[in-house]
Amino acid sequence: MEAASAATVAGWRDEREYEPPTQRPADAELFRMLLEEGGRVTASVRSRASGEHVTVTLAAKRKGDDGRYVSRAKIEGRVGIRDAHAVFADDPDRDWPDNKLGAFYVGDGEWRAADGAERNRAWAAFALLRWALGGLALEEMAEVFIETTCCVCGKRLTDPESVERGIGPECNRRRTRSKAAGRHPLLEGEG
């Protein structure tokens, strides 16, 4: 297969229509609906005071007949927070078992942070749950962004600026032709 010329690739890029992101900063009602209907949400929480952000994933799970939590792959439909026994909080950027932040047990309303969990991420996960359930006015302290994907390459976006823009930092550098952007092999020319 012959490599595409730089002019051909540039033409493809120019033909694409840029669509602004469909995801906006989330409100408590949208976040609660996602937890109730989908049972799994990845969101970034950005502090209004410092501008720093952390990303967490919340996943509602229920127990099977044997008393163990059932894998989402083995359940027909979705487990929303109303049907769940627990909502587990994870760091989406780390691997198991270091990704565990804690769990909220729906029956007794108790939050248990995981041993060794990063304190600010664990706090963000618990604050998101309290916010969604109506027990915390989080919008006064922070902004919440639902995870989305880059409209150019499809990679996961969690940084609030990238979510608002709809394009990740690498694709944005290429799109704006920033000198800091790396060259893609197809754009190098036929040498």
Protein backbone atom coordinates (compact mmCIF):
# COMPACT_ATOMS: atom_id res chain seq x y z
CA MET A 1 0.00 0.00 0.00
CA GLU A 2 1.44 3.36 -1.03
CA ALA A 3 1.89 6.05 1.63
CA ALA A 4 -0.38 9.05 1.27
CA SER A 5 1.27 12.28 0.20
CA ALA A 6 1.40 15.27 2.53
CA ALA A 7 -0.99 17.18 0.25
CA THR A 8 -3.53 14.33 0.36
CA VAL A 9 -3.40 14.15 4.16
CA ALA A 10 -3.68 17.95 4.43
CA GLY A 11 -6.77 17.77 2.18
CA TRP A 12 -8.36 15.15 4.43
CA ARG A 13 -7.68 17.33 7.46
CA ASP A 14 -9.17 20.43 5.82
CA GLU A 15 -12.31 18.54 4.68
CA ARG A 16 -13.15 17.51 8.24
CA GLU A 17 -15.67 19.74 9.84
CA TYR A 18 -14.80 20.77 13.35
CA GLU A 19 -17.75 20.25 15.65
CA PRO A 20 -17.69 21.79 19.09
CA PRO A 21 -17.86 19.29 21.95
CA THR A 22 -21.24 17.95 22.91
CA GLN A 23 -20.17 17.64 26.55
CA ARG A 24 -20.31 20.70 28.73
CA PRO A 25 -19.50 21.12 32.37
CA ALA A 26 -21.96 18.88 34.20
CA ASP A 27 -24.64 19.89 36.64
CA ALA A 28 -25.81 17.72 39.53
CA GLU A 29 -28.96 16.64 37.69
CA LEU A 30 -27.06 15.36 34.64
CA PHE A 31 -24.49 13.61 36.83
CA ARG A 32 -27.22 11.95 38.93
CA MET A 33 -29.03 10.82 35.76
CA LEU A 34 -25.82 9.23 34.41
CA LEU A 35 -25.29 7.37 37.69
CA GLU A 36 -28.92 6.26 37.82
CA GLU A 37 -29.24 5.11 34.22
CA GLY A 38 -25.73 4.13 33.18
CA GLY A 39 -24.13 3.33 36.51
CA ARG A 40 -20.65 4.33 35.34
CA VAL A 41 -19.26 7.86 35.01
CA THR A 42 -15.74 9.19 34.57
CA ALA A 43 -15.46 12.84 35.51
CA SER A 44 -12.86 15.50 36.25
CA VAL A 45 -13.29 17.85 39.19
CA ARG A 46 -11.50 21.22 38.83
CA SER A 47 -11.00 23.37 41.93
CA ARG A 48 -12.26 26.93 41.52
CA ALA A 49 -9.58 28.15 43.95
CA SER A 50 -6.45 26.50 42.53
CA GLY A 51 -7.46 25.43 39.01
CA GLU A 52 -6.04 21.94 39.68
CA HIS A 53 -8.12 18.95 38.62
CA VAL A 54 -8.39 15.24 39.38
CA THR A 55 -10.21 12.54 37.43
CA VAL A 56 -12.19 9.70 38.98
CA THR A 57 -14.42 6.88 37.75
CA LEU A 58 -17.55 5.88 39.68
CA ALA A 59 -19.09 2.48 38.92
CA ALA A 60 -22.29 1.13 40.50
CA LYS A 61 -22.28 -2.62 41.18
CA ARG A 62 -24.67 -5.10 42.65
CA LYS A 63 -24.21 -8.49 44.24
CA GLY A 64 -25.19 -11.76 42.65
CA ASP A 65 -26.90 -14.73 44.29
CA ASP A 66 -23.57 -15.89 45.69
CA GLY A 67 -23.03 -12.57 47.55
CA ARG A 68 -20.13 -11.43 45.34
CA TYR A 69 -20.16 -8.34 43.13
CA VAL A 70 -21.13 -9.21 39.58
CA SER A 71 -19.01 -8.11 36.62
CA ARG A 72 -20.72 -5.51 34.42
CA ALA A 73 -20.04 -7.78 31.43
CA LYS A 74 -22.28 -10.49 32.93
CA ILE A 75 -25.29 -8.27 33.62
CA GLU A 76 -28.05 -7.59 31.12
CA GLY A 77 -28.73 -3.89 30.98
CA ARG A 78 -27.10 -1.41 33.30
CA VAL A 79 -26.85 -1.24 37.07
CA GLY A 80 -27.79 2.23 38.17
CA ILE A 81 -27.14 3.65 41.62
CA ARG A 82 -30.72 2.78 42.70
CA ASP A 83 -30.17 -0.92 41.93
CA ALA A 84 -26.60 -1.04 43.24
CA HIS A 85 -25.26 -2.38 46.49
CA ALA A 86 -22.15 -0.20 46.20
CA VAL A 87 -20.54 2.49 44.05
CA PHE A 88 -16.81 1.95 43.62
CA ALA A 89 -14.45 4.85 42.94
CA ASP A 90 -11.28 4.34 40.91
CA ASP A 91 -8.45 6.40 39.46
CA PRO A 92 -8.80 5.82 35.68
CA ASP A 93 -5.13 6.62 35.09
CA ARG A 94 -3.71 3.84 37.29
CA ASP A 95 -3.80 0.06 37.15
CA TRP A 96 -5.36 -2.35 39.62
CA PRO A 97 -4.91 -2.54 42.61
CA ASP A 98 -3.34 0.93 42.91
CA ASN A 99 -6.37 2.56 41.26
CA LYS A 100 -8.82 1.96 44.14
CA LEU A 101 -10.05 5.14 45.85
CA GLY A 102 -12.92 3.85 47.94
CA ALA A 103 -16.52 2.67 47.92
CA PHE A 104 -19.91 4.09 48.85
CA TYR A 105 -22.26 1.44 50.28
CA VAL A 106 -25.78 2.38 49.23
CA GLY A 107 -27.65 0.43 51.92
CA ASP A 108 -26.06 2.17 54.89
CA GLY A 109 -24.89 5.35 53.15
CA GLU A 110 -21.30 4.84 54.30
CA TRP A 111 -18.17 5.92 52.39
CA ARG A 112 -14.99 3.90 52.97
CA ALA A 113 -11.75 5.23 51.51
CA ALA A 114 -9.33 2.59 50.24
CA ASP A 115 -6.04 2.08 52.07
CA GLY A 116 -3.32 4.15 50.44
CA ALA A 117 -5.74 6.09 48.24
CA GLU A 118 -4.66 9.54 47.13
CA ARG A 119 -6.52 11.85 49.52
CA ASN A 120 -7.57 14.51 47.01
CA ARG A 121 -8.91 11.92 44.53
CA ALA A 122 -10.76 10.02 47.25
CA TRP A 123 -12.28 13.31 48.48
CA ALA A 124 -13.30 14.20 44.88
CA ALA A 125 -15.01 10.81 44.43
CA PHE A 126 -16.94 11.14 47.68
CA ALA A 127 -17.81 14.78 46.92
CA LEU A 128 -19.17 13.78 43.48
CA LEU A 129 -21.42 11.17 45.09
CA ARG A 130 -22.69 13.57 47.75
CA TRP A 131 -23.24 16.23 45.07
CA ALA A 132 -25.20 13.83 42.85
CA LEU A 133 -27.33 12.68 45.78
CA GLY A 134 -28.07 16.27 46.85
CA GLY A 135 -25.94 16.45 49.99
CA LEU A 136 -23.22 18.91 48.87
CA ALA A 137 -23.15 22.19 46.93
CA LEU A 138 -20.02 21.22 44.96
CA GLU A 139 -20.49 23.87 42.28
CA GLU A 140 -19.42 26.52 44.82
CA MET A 141 -16.01 24.81 45.22
CA ALA A 142 -15.38 23.14 41.87
CA GLU A 143 -16.48 22.50 38.31
CA VAL A 144 -17.33 18.99 37.12
CA PHE A 145 -16.63 17.78 33.59
CA ILE A 146 -17.94 14.50 32.21
CA GLU A 147 -15.33 12.56 30.26
CA THR A 148 -15.55 12.77 26.49
CA THR A 149 -13.30 11.87 23.57
CA CYS A 150 -11.22 13.93 21.13
CA CYS A 151 -13.23 14.67 17.98
CA VAL A 152 -10.05 14.26 15.88
CA CYS A 153 -8.37 11.08 17.15
CA GLY A 154 -10.94 9.58 19.55
CA LYS A 155 -8.65 9.45 22.61
CA ARG A 156 -10.17 9.87 26.07
CA LEU A 157 -10.24 13.49 27.31
CA THR A 158 -10.28 14.29 30.99
CA ASP A 159 -8.53 17.66 31.20
CA PRO A 160 -11.28 20.29 31.62
CA GLU A 161 -9.82 22.61 28.95
CA SER A 162 -9.63 19.75 26.45
CA VAL A 163 -13.19 18.64 27.28
CA GLU A 164 -14.50 22.17 26.71
CA ARG A 165 -12.59 22.44 23.43
CA GLY A 166 -13.44 18.89 22.28
CA ILE A 167 -9.88 18.34 21.08
CA GLY A 168 -6.93 16.92 23.01
CA PRO A 169 -3.69 18.86 23.46
CA GLU A 170 -1.74 16.94 20.78
CA CYS A 171 -4.45 17.27 18.13
CA ASN A 172 -4.97 20.93 19.04
CA ARG A 173 -1.25 21.64 18.53
CA ARG A 174 -1.44 19.95 15.11
CA ARG A 175 -4.67 21.75 14.23
CA THR A 176 -3.26 25.17 15.12
CA ARG A 177 0.08 24.23 13.51
CA SER A 178 1.99 25.07 16.66
CA LYS A 179 5.77 24.73 16.34
CA ALA A 180 5.65 22.63 19.51
CA ALA A 181 3.55 20.00 17.72
CA GLY A 182 5.36 16.89 16.64
CA ARG A 183 5.32 15.87 13.00
CA HIS A 184 3.12 12.94 12.00
CA PRO A 185 4.94 10.44 9.75
CA LEU A 186 2.38 10.92 6.94
CA LEU A 187 3.07 14.65 6.91
CA GLU A 188 6.83 14.24 6.50
CA GLY A 189 6.60 14.11 2.70
CA GLU A 190 7.76 11.44 0.32
CA GLY A 191 11.39 11.56 0.65
